[in-house]
Amino acid sequence: MNSRARVDENSCSGHGDCVDVAPSIFRLDDDIAEVVADGPVELLIEAAEACPAAAISVVDADTGEQIFP
């Protein structure tokens, strides 16, 4: 399964915990997390769980079905 992270820019507070967990997938741009690559679903979920603002969701890249939360 191909998975993709999505960041709700209205919820993101720019803490950067996602970047700490998965720096190859996320970066901070103007204090908002931005997804720059896809990655393993386990890593995407770990980054989403680390987000104190709960601004990250993980979806199936092929169907758009939400995987997490």
PDB file of N, CA and C in Angstrom:
ATOM      1  N   MET A   1       0.837  -1.172   0.000  1.00  0.00           N
ATOM      2  CA  MET A   1       0.000   0.000   0.000  1.00  0.00           C
ATOM      3  C   MET A   1       0.889   1.245   0.000  1.00  0.00           C
ATOM      4  N   ASN A   2       0.591   2.170  -0.865  1.00  0.00           N
ATOM      5  CA  ASN A   2       1.264   3.459  -0.883  1.00  0.00           C
ATOM      6  C   ASN A   2       0.509   4.393   0.041  1.00  0.00           C
ATOM      7  N   SER A   3       1.234   5.072   0.908  1.00  0.00           N
ATOM      8  CA  SER A   3       0.584   5.987   1.844  1.00  0.00           C
ATOM      9  C   SER A   3       1.192   7.375   1.720  1.00  0.00           C
ATOM     10  N   ARG A   4       0.420   8.334   2.180  1.00  0.00           N
ATOM     11  CA  ARG A   4       0.827   9.735   2.064  1.00  0.00           C
ATOM     12  C   ARG A   4       0.361  10.475   3.311  1.00  0.00           C
ATOM     13  N   ALA A   5       1.175  11.393   3.782  1.00  0.00           N
ATOM     14  CA  ALA A   5       0.795  12.238   4.916  1.00  0.00           C
ATOM     15  C   ALA A   5       0.162  13.520   4.389  1.00  0.00           C
ATOM     16  N   ARG A   6      -0.763  14.036   5.177  1.00  0.00           N
ATOM     17  CA  ARG A   6      -1.376  15.331   4.879  1.00  0.00           C
ATOM     18  C   ARG A   6      -1.318  16.173   6.141  1.00  0.00           C
ATOM     19  N   VAL A   7      -1.009  17.448   5.968  1.00  0.00           N
ATOM     20  CA  VAL A   7      -0.934  18.371   7.098  1.00  0.00           C
ATOM     21  C   VAL A   7      -2.082  19.372   6.979  1.00  0.00           C
ATOM     22  N   ASP A   8      -2.860  19.489   8.044  1.00  0.00           N
ATOM     23  CA  ASP A   8      -3.904  20.512   8.116  1.00  0.00           C
ATOM     24  C   ASP A   8      -3.216  21.810   8.528  1.00  0.00           C
ATOM     25  N   GLU A   9      -3.021  22.694   7.571  1.00  0.00           N
ATOM     26  CA  GLU A   9      -2.281  23.932   7.832  1.00  0.00           C
ATOM     27  C   GLU A   9      -2.961  24.811   8.866  1.00  0.00           C
ATOM     28  N   ASN A  10      -4.270  24.709   8.999  1.00  0.00           N
ATOM     29  CA  ASN A  10      -4.989  25.507   9.998  1.00  0.00           C
ATOM     30  C   ASN A  10      -4.761  24.987  11.410  1.00  0.00           C
ATOM     31  N   SER A  11      -4.405  23.718  11.536  1.00  0.00           N
ATOM     32  CA  SER A  11      -4.166  23.122  12.847  1.00  0.00           C
ATOM     33  C   SER A  11      -2.692  23.109  13.228  1.00  0.00           C
ATOM     34  N   CYS A  12      -1.818  23.097  12.238  1.00  0.00           N
ATOM     35  CA  CYS A  12      -0.383  22.987  12.497  1.00  0.00           C
ATOM     36  C   CYS A  12       0.126  24.206  13.262  1.00  0.00           C
ATOM     37  N   SER A  13       0.863  23.932  14.344  1.00  0.00           N
ATOM     38  CA  SER A  13       1.438  24.990  15.171  1.00  0.00           C
ATOM     39  C   SER A  13       2.939  25.140  14.964  1.00  0.00           C
ATOM     40  N   GLY A  14       3.502  24.345  14.067  1.00  0.00           N
ATOM     41  CA  GLY A  14       4.919  24.462  13.748  1.00  0.00           C
ATOM     42  C   GLY A  14       5.848  23.963  14.835  1.00  0.00           C
ATOM     43  N   HIS A  15       5.414  22.997  15.627  1.00  0.00           N
ATOM     44  CA  HIS A  15       6.272  22.449  16.682  1.00  0.00           C
ATOM     45  C   HIS A  15       7.494  21.745  16.108  1.00  0.00           C
ATOM     46  N   GLY A  16       7.346  21.095  14.951  1.00  0.00           N
ATOM     47  CA  GLY A  16       8.470  20.433  14.304  1.00  0.00           C
ATOM     48  C   GLY A  16       8.731  19.014  14.759  1.00  0.00           C
ATOM     49  N   ASP A  17       7.835  18.448  15.578  1.00  0.00           N
ATOM     50  CA  ASP A  17       8.035  17.079  16.031  1.00  0.00           C
ATOM     51  C   ASP A  17       8.022  16.100  14.865  1.00  0.00           C
ATOM     52  N   CYS A  18       7.216  16.374  13.856  1.00  0.00           N
ATOM     53  CA  CYS A  18       7.176  15.504  12.674  1.00  0.00           C
ATOM     54  C   CYS A  18       8.525  15.508  11.950  1.00  0.00           C
ATOM     55  N   VAL A  19       9.165  16.669  11.911  1.00  0.00           N
ATOM     56  CA  VAL A  19      10.476  16.780  11.272  1.00  0.00           C
ATOM     57  C   VAL A  19      11.508  16.003  12.076  1.00  0.00           C
ATOM     58  N   ASP A  20      11.396  16.045  13.405  1.00  0.00           N
ATOM     59  CA  ASP A  20      12.317  15.280  14.255  1.00  0.00           C
ATOM     60  C   ASP A  20      12.179  13.785  13.999  1.00  0.00           C
ATOM     61  N   VAL A  21      10.941  13.314  13.819  1.00  0.00           N
ATOM     62  CA  VAL A  21      10.682  11.892  13.611  1.00  0.00           C
ATOM     63  C   VAL A  21      11.039  11.462  12.193  1.00  0.00           C
ATOM     64  N   ALA A  22      10.679  12.293  11.209  1.00  0.00           N
ATOM     65  CA  ALA A  22      10.834  11.905   9.796  1.00  0.00           C
ATOM     66  C   ALA A  22      11.346  13.076   8.964  1.00  0.00           C
ATOM     67  N   PRO A  23      12.619  13.445   9.128  1.00  0.00           N
ATOM     68  CA  PRO A  23      13.148  14.607   8.413  1.00  0.00           C
ATOM     69  C   PRO A  23      13.208  14.444   6.891  1.00  0.00           C
ATOM     70  N   SER A  24      13.145  13.208   6.412  1.00  0.00           N
ATOM     71  CA  SER A  24      13.150  13.009   4.960  1.00  0.00           C
ATOM     72  C   SER A  24      11.748  13.180   4.362  1.00  0.00           C
ATOM     73  N   ILE A  25      10.741  13.294   5.222  1.00  0.00           N
ATOM     74  CA  ILE A  25       9.362  13.393   4.753  1.00  0.00           C
ATOM     75  C   ILE A  25       8.759  14.768   5.025  1.00  0.00           C
ATOM     76  N   PHE A  26       9.142  15.395   6.143  1.00  0.00           N
ATOM     77  CA  PHE A  26       8.573  16.682   6.537  1.00  0.00           C
ATOM     78  C   PHE A  26       9.657  17.737   6.636  1.00  0.00           C
ATOM     79  N   ARG A  27       9.238  18.994   6.448  1.00  0.00           N
ATOM     80  CA  ARG A  27      10.104  20.131   6.752  1.00  0.00           C
ATOM     81  C   ARG A  27       9.209  21.259   7.232  1.00  0.00           C
ATOM     82  N   LEU A  28       9.799  22.202   7.943  1.00  0.00           N
ATOM     83  CA  LEU A  28       9.051  23.376   8.378  1.00  0.00           C
ATOM     84  C   LEU A  28       9.286  24.493   7.392  1.00  0.00           C
ATOM     85  N   ASP A  29       8.201  25.112   6.973  1.00  0.00           N
ATOM     86  CA  ASP A  29       8.267  26.236   6.051  1.00  0.00           C
ATOM     87  C   ASP A  29       7.361  27.325   6.612  1.00  0.00           C
ATOM     88  N   ASP A  30       7.951  28.423   7.037  1.00  0.00           N
ATOM     89  CA  ASP A  30       7.196  29.508   7.672  1.00  0.00           C
ATOM     90  C   ASP A  30       6.395  28.998   8.867  1.00  0.00           C
ATOM     91  N   ASP A  31       7.018  28.146   9.672  1.00  0.00           N
ATOM     92  CA  ASP A  31       6.420  27.581  10.884  1.00  0.00           C
ATOM     93  C   ASP A  31       5.190  26.723  10.622  1.00  0.00           C
ATOM     94  N   ILE A  32       5.075  26.183   9.428  1.00  0.00           N
ATOM     95  CA  ILE A  32       4.034  25.231   9.075  1.00  0.00           C
ATOM     96  C   ILE A  32       4.731  23.996   8.503  1.00  0.00           C
ATOM     97  N   ALA A  33       4.334  22.827   8.976  1.00  0.00           N
ATOM     98  CA  ALA A  33       4.912  21.594   8.446  1.00  0.00           C
ATOM     99  C   ALA A  33       4.462  21.384   7.012  1.00  0.00           C
ATOM    100  N   GLU A  34       5.382  20.914   6.211  1.00  0.00           N
ATOM    101  CA  GLU A  34       5.110  20.636   4.804  1.00  0.00           C
ATOM    102  C   GLU A  34       5.585  19.220   4.495  1.00  0.00           C
ATOM    103  N   VAL A  35       4.784  18.484   3.752  1.00  0.00           N
ATOM    104  CA  VAL A  35       5.153  17.136   3.323  1.00  0.00           C
ATOM    105  C   VAL A  35       5.980  17.266   2.050  1.00  0.00           C
ATOM    106  N   VAL A  36       7.200  16.715   2.073  1.00  0.00           N
ATOM    107  CA  VAL A  36       8.083  16.820   0.912  1.00  0.00           C
ATOM    108  C   VAL A  36       8.336  15.483   0.229  1.00  0.00           C
ATOM    109  N   ALA A  37       7.856  14.387   0.843  1.00  0.00           N
ATOM    110  CA  ALA A  37       8.053  13.065   0.259  1.00  0.00           C
ATOM    111  C   ALA A  37       7.069  12.085   0.884  1.00  0.00           C
ATOM    112  N   ASP A  38       6.902  10.960   0.238  1.00  0.00           N
ATOM    113  CA  ASP A  38       6.142   9.858   0.802  1.00  0.00           C
ATOM    114  C   ASP A  38       7.099   8.976   1.589  1.00  0.00           C
ATOM    115  N   GLY A  39       6.554   8.081   2.364  1.00  0.00           N
ATOM    116  CA  GLY A  39       7.402   7.191   3.146  1.00  0.00           C
ATOM    117  C   GLY A  39       6.620   6.000   3.637  1.00  0.00           C
ATOM    118  N   PRO A  40       7.275   5.144   4.401  1.00  0.00           N
ATOM    119  CA  PRO A  40       6.618   3.959   4.939  1.00  0.00           C
ATOM    120  C   PRO A  40       5.478   4.356   5.873  1.00  0.00           C
ATOM    121  N   VAL A  41       4.386   3.636   5.785  1.00  0.00           N
ATOM    122  CA  VAL A  41       3.203   3.972   6.578  1.00  0.00           C
ATOM    123  C   VAL A  41       3.521   4.003   8.067  1.00  0.00           C
ATOM    124  N   GLU A  42       4.378   3.127   8.539  1.00  0.00           N
ATOM    125  CA  GLU A  42       4.726   3.095   9.952  1.00  0.00           C
ATOM    126  C   GLU A  42       5.390   4.401  10.379  1.00  0.00           C
ATOM    127  N   LEU A  43       6.277   4.922   9.547  1.00  0.00           N
ATOM    128  CA  LEU A  43       6.967   6.172   9.854  1.00  0.00           C
ATOM    129  C   LEU A  43       6.009   7.357   9.785  1.00  0.00           C
ATOM    130  N   LEU A  44       5.112   7.361   8.812  1.00  0.00           N
ATOM    131  CA  LEU A  44       4.133   8.437   8.704  1.00  0.00           C
ATOM    132  C   LEU A  44       3.227   8.464   9.928  1.00  0.00           C
ATOM    133  N   ILE A  45       2.788   7.302  10.383  1.00  0.00           N
ATOM    134  CA  ILE A  45       1.937   7.235  11.565  1.00  0.00           C
ATOM    135  C   ILE A  45       2.707   7.670  12.810  1.00  0.00           C
ATOM    136  N   GLU A  46       3.957   7.270  12.909  1.00  0.00           N
ATOM    137  CA  GLU A  46       4.780   7.698  14.048  1.00  0.00           C
ATOM    138  C   GLU A  46       4.896   9.218  14.084  1.00  0.00           C
ATOM    139  N   ALA A  47       5.109   9.838  12.939  1.00  0.00           N
ATOM    140  CA  ALA A  47       5.194  11.297  12.869  1.00  0.00           C
ATOM    141  C   ALA A  47       3.857  11.941  13.214  1.00  0.00           C
ATOM    142  N   ALA A  48       2.774  11.363  12.736  1.00  0.00           N
ATOM    143  CA  ALA A  48       1.437  11.891  13.044  1.00  0.00           C
ATOM    144  C   ALA A  48       1.147  11.786  14.534  1.00  0.00           C
ATOM    145  N   GLU A  49       1.532  10.688  15.144  1.00  0.00           N
ATOM    146  CA  GLU A  49       1.324  10.511  16.584  1.00  0.00           C
ATOM    147  C   GLU A  49       2.156  11.499  17.399  1.00  0.00           C
ATOM    148  N   ALA A  50       3.300  11.905  16.873  1.00  0.00           N
ATOM    149  CA  ALA A  50       4.176  12.840  17.575  1.00  0.00           C
ATOM    150  C   ALA A  50       3.676  14.284  17.506  1.00  0.00           C
ATOM    151  N   CYS A  51       2.755  14.565  16.626  1.00  0.00           N
ATOM    152  CA  CYS A  51       2.268  15.932  16.425  1.00  0.00           C
ATOM    153  C   CYS A  51       1.375  16.359  17.589  1.00  0.00           C
ATOM    154  N   PRO A  52       1.799  17.340  18.390  1.00  0.00           N
ATOM    155  CA  PRO A  52       0.984  17.761  19.528  1.00  0.00           C
ATOM    156  C   PRO A  52      -0.311  18.466  19.114  1.00  0.00           C
ATOM    157  N   ALA A  53      -0.364  18.952  17.893  1.00  0.00           N
ATOM    158  CA  ALA A  53      -1.566  19.636  17.407  1.00  0.00           C
ATOM    159  C   ALA A  53      -2.511  18.700  16.665  1.00  0.00           C
ATOM    160  N   ALA A  54      -2.118  17.441  16.517  1.00  0.00           N
ATOM    161  CA  ALA A  54      -2.922  16.451  15.770  1.00  0.00           C
ATOM    162  C   ALA A  54      -3.270  16.971  14.379  1.00  0.00           C
ATOM    163  N   ALA A  55      -2.286  17.588  13.734  1.00  0.00           N
ATOM    164  CA  ALA A  55      -2.509  18.207  12.429  1.00  0.00           C
ATOM    165  C   ALA A  55      -2.181  17.296  11.254  1.00  0.00           C
ATOM    166  N   ILE A  56      -1.689  16.088  11.521  1.00  0.00           N
ATOM    167  CA  ILE A  56      -1.247  15.200  10.450  1.00  0.00           C
ATOM    168  C   ILE A  56      -2.177  14.001  10.347  1.00  0.00           C
ATOM    169  N   SER A  57      -2.604  13.729   9.138  1.00  0.00           N
ATOM    170  CA  SER A  57      -3.349  12.499   8.866  1.00  0.00           C
ATOM    171  C   SER A  57      -2.566  11.703   7.833  1.00  0.00           C
ATOM    172  N   VAL A  58      -2.839  10.414   7.790  1.00  0.00           N
ATOM    173  CA  VAL A  58      -2.185   9.518   6.835  1.00  0.00           C
ATOM    174  C   VAL A  58      -3.282   8.876   6.004  1.00  0.00           C
ATOM    175  N   VAL A  59      -3.102   8.915   4.686  1.00  0.00           N
ATOM    176  CA  VAL A  59      -4.109   8.366   3.782  1.00  0.00           C
ATOM    177  C   VAL A  59      -3.468   7.384   2.816  1.00  0.00           C
ATOM    178  N   ASP A  60      -4.291   6.496   2.287  1.00  0.00           N
ATOM    179  CA  ASP A  60      -3.865   5.589   1.226  1.00  0.00           C
ATOM    180  C   ASP A  60      -3.698   6.438  -0.030  1.00  0.00           C
ATOM    181  N   ALA A  61      -2.524   6.437  -0.609  1.00  0.00           N
ATOM    182  CA  ALA A  61      -2.230   7.283  -1.767  1.00  0.00           C
ATOM    183  C   ALA A  61      -3.040   6.908  -2.996  1.00  0.00           C
ATOM    184  N   ASP A  62      -3.468   5.662  -3.082  1.00  0.00           N
ATOM    185  CA  ASP A  62      -4.209   5.207  -4.254  1.00  0.00           C
ATOM    186  C   ASP A  62      -5.708   5.493  -4.148  1.00  0.00           C
ATOM    187  N   THR A  63      -6.270   5.314  -2.946  1.00  0.00           N
ATOM    188  CA  THR A  63      -7.715   5.447  -2.790  1.00  0.00           C
ATOM    189  C   THR A  63      -8.144   6.719  -2.070  1.00  0.00           C
ATOM    190  N   GLY A  64      -7.207   7.342  -1.343  1.00  0.00           N
ATOM    191  CA  GLY A  64      -7.542   8.511  -0.543  1.00  0.00           C
ATOM    192  C   GLY A  64      -8.182   8.164   0.781  1.00  0.00           C
ATOM    193  N   GLU A  65      -8.337   6.863   1.072  1.00  0.00           N
ATOM    194  CA  GLU A  65      -8.946   6.421   2.319  1.00  0.00           C
ATOM    195  C   GLU A  65      -8.030   6.770   3.484  1.00  0.00           C
ATOM    196  N   GLN A  66      -8.623   7.323   4.540  1.00  0.00           N
ATOM    197  CA  GLN A  66      -7.851   7.703   5.698  1.00  0.00           C
ATOM    198  C   GLN A  66      -7.418   6.474   6.478  1.00  0.00           C
ATOM    199  N   ILE A  67      -6.112   6.414   6.798  1.00  0.00           N
ATOM    200  CA  ILE A  67      -5.524   5.310   7.555  1.00  0.00           C
ATOM    201  C   ILE A  67      -5.354   5.707   9.021  1.00  0.00           C
ATOM    202  N   PHE A  68      -4.948   6.960   9.239  1.00  0.00           N
ATOM    203  CA  PHE A  68      -4.718   7.473  10.596  1.00  0.00           C
ATOM    204  C   PHE A  68      -5.077   8.930  10.634  1.00  0.00           C
ATOM    205  N   PRO A  69      -5.671   9.499  11.636  1.00  0.00           N
ATOM    206  CA  PRO A  69      -6.197   8.815  12.804  1.00  0.00           C
ATOM    207  C   PRO A  69      -7.479   8.118  12.491  1.00  0.00           C
TER     208      PRO A  69
END
